[in-house]
PDB file of N, CA and C in Angstrom:
ATOM      1  N   MET A   1      14.728  71.111   7.464  1.00  0.00           N
ATOM      2  CA  MET A   1      13.479  70.369   7.511  1.00  0.00           C
ATOM      3  C   MET A   1      13.548  69.309   8.599  1.00  0.00           C
ATOM      4  N   ASN A   2      12.486  69.182   9.328  1.00  0.00           N
ATOM      5  CA  ASN A   2      12.417  68.075  10.276  1.00  0.00           C
ATOM      6  C   ASN A   2      11.677  66.922   9.600  1.00  0.00           C
ATOM      7  N   GLY A   3      11.657  65.785  10.224  1.00  0.00           N
ATOM      8  CA  GLY A   3      11.056  64.606   9.609  1.00  0.00           C
ATOM      9  C   GLY A   3       9.686  64.270  10.134  1.00  0.00           C
ATOM     10  N   ARG A   4       8.885  65.283  10.438  1.00  0.00           N
ATOM     11  CA  ARG A   4       7.566  65.020  11.033  1.00  0.00           C
ATOM     12  C   ARG A   4       6.449  64.862  10.010  1.00  0.00           C
ATOM     13  N   ASN A   5       6.664  65.304   8.772  1.00  0.00           N
ATOM     14  CA  ASN A   5       5.637  65.201   7.733  1.00  0.00           C
ATOM     15  C   ASN A   5       6.064  64.193   6.679  1.00  0.00           C
ATOM     16  N   GLN A   6       5.174  63.265   6.379  1.00  0.00           N
ATOM     17  CA  GLN A   6       5.513  62.197   5.443  1.00  0.00           C
ATOM     18  C   GLN A   6       5.820  62.734   4.047  1.00  0.00           C
ATOM     19  N   LYS A   7       5.177  63.835   3.644  1.00  0.00           N
ATOM     20  CA  LYS A   7       5.403  64.391   2.308  1.00  0.00           C
ATOM     21  C   LYS A   7       6.841  64.900   2.136  1.00  0.00           C
ATOM     22  N   ASP A   8       7.546  65.172   3.235  1.00  0.00           N
ATOM     23  CA  ASP A   8       8.928  65.660   3.171  1.00  0.00           C
ATOM     24  C   ASP A   8       9.948  64.531   3.059  1.00  0.00           C
ATOM     25  N   VAL A   9       9.530  63.290   3.312  1.00  0.00           N
ATOM     26  CA  VAL A   9      10.447  62.149   3.342  1.00  0.00           C
ATOM     27  C   VAL A   9      10.189  61.260   2.135  1.00  0.00           C
ATOM     28  N   GLN A  10      11.229  61.002   1.352  1.00  0.00           N
ATOM     29  CA  GLN A  10      11.110  60.168   0.164  1.00  0.00           C
ATOM     30  C   GLN A  10      12.220  59.119   0.161  1.00  0.00           C
ATOM     31  N   PRO A  11      11.954  57.930  -0.401  1.00  0.00           N
ATOM     32  CA  PRO A  11      13.026  56.935  -0.547  1.00  0.00           C
ATOM     33  C   PRO A  11      14.183  57.524  -1.351  1.00  0.00           C
ATOM     34  N   GLY A  12      15.405  57.193  -0.927  1.00  0.00           N
ATOM     35  CA  GLY A  12      16.601  57.707  -1.584  1.00  0.00           C
ATOM     36  C   GLY A  12      17.199  58.927  -0.908  1.00  0.00           C
ATOM     37  N   MET A  13      16.462  59.559   0.000  1.00  0.00           N
ATOM     38  CA  MET A  13      16.969  60.738   0.709  1.00  0.00           C
ATOM     39  C   MET A  13      17.958  60.330   1.797  1.00  0.00           C
ATOM     40  N   THR A  14      18.918  61.214   2.070  1.00  0.00           N
ATOM     41  CA  THR A  14      19.822  61.021   3.194  1.00  0.00           C
ATOM     42  C   THR A  14      19.207  61.707   4.412  1.00  0.00           C
ATOM     43  N   VAL A  15      19.088  60.937   5.504  1.00  0.00           N
ATOM     44  CA  VAL A  15      18.443  61.440   6.713  1.00  0.00           C
ATOM     45  C   VAL A  15      19.237  61.011   7.947  1.00  0.00           C
ATOM     46  N   ASP A  16      18.988  61.701   9.050  1.00  0.00           N
ATOM     47  CA  ASP A  16      19.461  61.271  10.361  1.00  0.00           C
ATOM     48  C   ASP A  16      18.249  60.750  11.108  1.00  0.00           C
ATOM     49  N   ILE A  17      18.362  59.526  11.655  1.00  0.00           N
ATOM     50  CA  ILE A  17      17.271  58.938  12.419  1.00  0.00           C
ATOM     51  C   ILE A  17      17.739  58.671  13.841  1.00  0.00           C
ATOM     52  N   VAL A  18      16.779  58.538  14.738  1.00  0.00           N
ATOM     53  CA  VAL A  18      17.075  58.080  16.090  1.00  0.00           C
ATOM     54  C   VAL A  18      16.505  56.667  16.196  1.00  0.00           C
ATOM     55  N   LEU A  19      17.379  55.718  16.525  1.00  0.00           N
ATOM     56  CA  LEU A  19      16.972  54.328  16.685  1.00  0.00           C
ATOM     57  C   LEU A  19      16.233  54.166  18.008  1.00  0.00           C
ATOM     58  N   LYS A  20      15.410  53.137  18.111  1.00  0.00           N
ATOM     59  CA  LYS A  20      14.652  52.869  19.343  1.00  0.00           C
ATOM     60  C   LYS A  20      15.599  52.790  20.549  1.00  0.00           C
ATOM     61  N   ALA A  21      16.714  52.101  20.376  1.00  0.00           N
ATOM     62  CA  ALA A  21      17.672  51.924  21.474  1.00  0.00           C
ATOM     63  C   ALA A  21      18.357  53.235  21.870  1.00  0.00           C
ATOM     64  N   ASP A  22      18.364  54.212  20.972  1.00  0.00           N
ATOM     65  CA  ASP A  22      19.052  55.483  21.226  1.00  0.00           C
ATOM     66  C   ASP A  22      18.105  56.620  21.590  1.00  0.00           C
ATOM     67  N   GLN A  23      16.828  56.317  21.830  1.00  0.00           N
ATOM     68  CA  GLN A  23      15.869  57.387  22.107  1.00  0.00           C
ATOM     69  C   GLN A  23      16.206  58.156  23.378  1.00  0.00           C
ATOM     70  N   ARG A  24      16.731  57.477  24.383  1.00  0.00           N
ATOM     71  CA  ARG A  24      17.068  58.176  25.642  1.00  0.00           C
ATOM     72  C   ARG A  24      18.244  59.120  25.458  1.00  0.00           C
ATOM     73  N   THR A  25      19.247  58.704  24.675  1.00  0.00           N
ATOM     74  CA  THR A  25      20.446  59.529  24.491  1.00  0.00           C
ATOM     75  C   THR A  25      20.265  60.526  23.356  1.00  0.00           C
ATOM     76  N   GLY A  26      19.393  60.217  22.398  1.00  0.00           N
ATOM     77  CA  GLY A  26      19.201  61.097  21.249  1.00  0.00           C
ATOM     78  C   GLY A  26      20.271  60.946  20.184  1.00  0.00           C
ATOM     79  N   LYS A  27      21.082  59.885  20.280  1.00  0.00           N
ATOM     80  CA  LYS A  27      22.143  59.645  19.296  1.00  0.00           C
ATOM     81  C   LYS A  27      21.528  59.436  17.915  1.00  0.00           C
ATOM     82  N   LEU A  28      22.065  60.142  16.911  1.00  0.00           N
ATOM     83  CA  LEU A  28      21.529  60.066  15.559  1.00  0.00           C
ATOM     84  C   LEU A  28      22.360  59.123  14.697  1.00  0.00           C
ATOM     85  N   THR A  29      21.684  58.454  13.775  1.00  0.00           N
ATOM     86  CA  THR A  29      22.309  57.543  12.822  1.00  0.00           C
ATOM     87  C   THR A  29      21.963  58.042  11.428  1.00  0.00           C
ATOM     88  N   ARG A  30      22.993  58.235  10.579  1.00  0.00           N
ATOM     89  CA  ARG A  30      22.763  58.726   9.222  1.00  0.00           C
ATOM     90  C   ARG A  30      22.634  57.571   8.245  1.00  0.00           C
ATOM     91  N   GLY A  31      21.725  57.718   7.289  1.00  0.00           N
ATOM     92  CA  GLY A  31      21.559  56.691   6.274  1.00  0.00           C
ATOM     93  C   GLY A  31      20.639  57.157   5.166  1.00  0.00           C
ATOM     94  N   ILE A  32      20.390  56.250   4.229  1.00  0.00           N
ATOM     95  CA  ILE A  32      19.540  56.535   3.077  1.00  0.00           C
ATOM     96  C   ILE A  32      18.220  55.785   3.249  1.00  0.00           C
ATOM     97  N   VAL A  33      17.105  56.491   3.055  1.00  0.00           N
ATOM     98  CA  VAL A  33      15.769  55.922   3.243  1.00  0.00           C
ATOM     99  C   VAL A  33      15.504  54.858   2.179  1.00  0.00           C
ATOM    100  N   LYS A  34      15.088  53.669   2.638  1.00  0.00           N
ATOM    101  CA  LYS A  34      14.654  52.604   1.733  1.00  0.00           C
ATOM    102  C   LYS A  34      13.131  52.536   1.709  1.00  0.00           C
ATOM    103  N   ASP A  35      12.504  52.460   2.904  1.00  0.00           N
ATOM    104  CA  ASP A  35      11.050  52.341   3.018  1.00  0.00           C
ATOM    105  C   ASP A  35      10.523  53.317   4.057  1.00  0.00           C
ATOM    106  N   ILE A  36       9.316  53.835   3.818  1.00  0.00           N
ATOM    107  CA  ILE A  36       8.610  54.658   4.805  1.00  0.00           C
ATOM    108  C   ILE A  36       7.621  53.744   5.513  1.00  0.00           C
ATOM    109  N   LEU A  37       7.706  53.668   6.840  1.00  0.00           N
ATOM    110  CA  LEU A  37       6.895  52.727   7.611  1.00  0.00           C
ATOM    111  C   LEU A  37       5.683  53.366   8.280  1.00  0.00           C
ATOM    112  N   THR A  38       5.712  54.681   8.506  1.00  0.00           N
ATOM    113  CA  THR A  38       4.582  55.369   9.134  1.00  0.00           C
ATOM    114  C   THR A  38       3.456  55.519   8.120  1.00  0.00           C
ATOM    115  N   LYS A  39       2.248  55.111   8.513  1.00  0.00           N
ATOM    116  CA  LYS A  39       1.093  55.192   7.618  1.00  0.00           C
ATOM    117  C   LYS A  39       0.454  56.585   7.609  1.00  0.00           C
ATOM    118  N   SER A  40       0.502  57.290   8.728  1.00  0.00           N
ATOM    119  CA  SER A  40      -0.160  58.597   8.811  1.00  0.00           C
ATOM    120  C   SER A  40       0.668  59.662   8.089  1.00  0.00           C
ATOM    121  N   THR A  41       0.047  60.800   7.804  1.00  0.00           N
ATOM    122  CA  THR A  41       0.716  61.871   7.063  1.00  0.00           C
ATOM    123  C   THR A  41       1.721  62.636   7.912  1.00  0.00           C
ATOM    124  N   SER A  42       1.579  62.557   9.244  1.00  0.00           N
ATOM    125  CA  SER A  42       2.548  63.215  10.124  1.00  0.00           C
ATOM    126  C   SER A  42       2.636  62.450  11.438  1.00  0.00           C
ATOM    127  N   HIS A  43       3.730  62.688  12.159  1.00  0.00           N
ATOM    128  CA  HIS A  43       3.914  62.066  13.470  1.00  0.00           C
ATOM    129  C   HIS A  43       4.761  63.009  14.310  1.00  0.00           C
ATOM    130  N   PRO A  44       4.368  63.274  15.564  1.00  0.00           N
ATOM    131  CA  PRO A  44       5.080  64.263  16.388  1.00  0.00           C
ATOM    132  C   PRO A  44       6.523  63.882  16.717  1.00  0.00           C
ATOM    133  N   HIS A  45       6.852  62.590  16.681  1.00  0.00           N
ATOM    134  CA  HIS A  45       8.221  62.160  17.003  1.00  0.00           C
ATOM    135  C   HIS A  45       9.043  61.871  15.762  1.00  0.00           C
ATOM    136  N   GLY A  46       8.475  62.061  14.588  1.00  0.00           N
ATOM    137  CA  GLY A  46       9.181  61.821  13.340  1.00  0.00           C
ATOM    138  C   GLY A  46       8.609  60.625  12.598  1.00  0.00           C
ATOM    139  N   ILE A  47       8.727  60.661  11.282  1.00  0.00           N
ATOM    140  CA  ILE A  47       8.240  59.575  10.428  1.00  0.00           C
ATOM    141  C   ILE A  47       9.182  58.378  10.588  1.00  0.00           C
ATOM    142  N   LYS A  48       8.611  57.198  10.783  1.00  0.00           N
ATOM    143  CA  LYS A  48       9.416  55.986  10.948  1.00  0.00           C
ATOM    144  C   LYS A  48       9.813  55.455   9.579  1.00  0.00           C
ATOM    145  N   VAL A  49      11.115  55.184   9.410  1.00  0.00           N
ATOM    146  CA  VAL A  49      11.638  54.696   8.132  1.00  0.00           C
ATOM    147  C   VAL A  49      12.582  53.523   8.346  1.00  0.00           C
ATOM    148  N   ARG A  50      12.778  52.754   7.274  1.00  0.00           N
ATOM    149  CA  ARG A  50      13.820  51.721   7.232  1.00  0.00           C
ATOM    150  C   ARG A  50      14.913  52.224   6.304  1.00  0.00           C
ATOM    151  N   LEU A  51      16.160  52.182   6.768  1.00  0.00           N
ATOM    152  CA  LEU A  51      17.288  52.602   5.945  1.00  0.00           C
ATOM    153  C   LEU A  51      17.736  51.458   5.047  1.00  0.00           C
ATOM    154  N   THR A  52      18.582  51.768   4.068  1.00  0.00           N
ATOM    155  CA  THR A  52      19.060  50.754   3.132  1.00  0.00           C
ATOM    156  C   THR A  52      19.852  49.655   3.836  1.00  0.00           C
ATOM    157  N   ASP A  53      20.435  49.958   5.004  1.00  0.00           N
ATOM    158  CA  ASP A  53      21.192  48.939   5.753  1.00  0.00           C
ATOM    159  C   ASP A  53      20.300  48.142   6.715  1.00  0.00           C
ATOM    160  N   GLY A  54      18.975  48.419   6.705  1.00  0.00           N
ATOM    161  CA  GLY A  54      18.026  47.646   7.504  1.00  0.00           C
ATOM    162  C   GLY A  54      17.672  48.247   8.846  1.00  0.00           C
ATOM    163  N   GLN A  55      18.348  49.296   9.274  1.00  0.00           N
ATOM    164  CA  GLN A  55      18.037  49.916  10.565  1.00  0.00           C
ATOM    165  C   GLN A  55      16.719  50.685  10.463  1.00  0.00           C
ATOM    166  N   VAL A  56      15.955  50.680  11.561  1.00  0.00           N
ATOM    167  CA  VAL A  56      14.645  51.327  11.601  1.00  0.00           C
ATOM    168  C   VAL A  56      14.663  52.379  12.713  1.00  0.00           C
ATOM    169  N   GLY A  57      14.146  53.569  12.376  1.00  0.00           N
ATOM    170  CA  GLY A  57      14.061  54.626  13.367  1.00  0.00           C
ATOM    171  C   GLY A  57      13.222  55.774  12.851  1.00  0.00           C
ATOM    172  N   ARG A  58      13.126  56.825  13.664  1.00  0.00           N
ATOM    173  CA  ARG A  58      12.319  57.986  13.318  1.00  0.00           C
ATOM    174  C   ARG A  58      13.207  59.119  12.804  1.00  0.00           C
ATOM    175  N   VAL A  59      12.782  59.735  11.706  1.00  0.00           N
ATOM    176  CA  VAL A  59      13.552  60.793  11.068  1.00  0.00           C
ATOM    177  C   VAL A  59      13.589  62.032  11.960  1.00  0.00           C
ATOM    178  N   GLN A  60      14.800  62.534  12.187  1.00  0.00           N
ATOM    179  CA  GLN A  60      14.989  63.763  12.955  1.00  0.00           C
ATOM    180  C   GLN A  60      15.480  64.903  12.072  1.00  0.00           C
ATOM    181  N   VAL A  61      16.337  64.577  11.095  1.00  0.00           N
ATOM    182  CA  VAL A  61      16.918  65.605  10.215  1.00  0.00           C
ATOM    183  C   VAL A  61      16.908  65.065   8.790  1.00  0.00           C
ATOM    184  N   ILE A  62      16.516  65.934   7.845  1.00  0.00           N
ATOM    185  CA  ILE A  62      16.566  65.587   6.423  1.00  0.00           C
ATOM    186  C   ILE A  62      17.692  66.409   5.798  1.00  0.00           C
ATOM    187  N   HIS A  63      18.600  65.734   5.105  1.00  0.00           N
ATOM    188  CA  HIS A  63      19.715  66.425   4.436  1.00  0.00           C
ATOM    189  C   HIS A  63      19.371  66.621   2.971  1.00  0.00           C
ATOM    190  N   SER A  64      19.654  67.832   2.482  1.00  0.00           N
ATOM    191  CA  SER A  64      19.324  68.126   1.075  1.00  0.00           C
ATOM    192  C   SER A  64      20.487  67.786   0.163  1.00  0.00           C
TER     193      SER A  64
END
């Protein structure tokens, strides 16, 4: 699953996000979703979330 649809992303899920600073390199950061920040139902670059450690980025991969 990719992280482009808000219905696929729920608090408590483990995801890989790309941080704003890492968008050029595409480096992924793994964490657990605390808050969903994107208001729309989908976003072409991924749903923006805040992880439990406070980092904010767009979801690229959802781990089951």
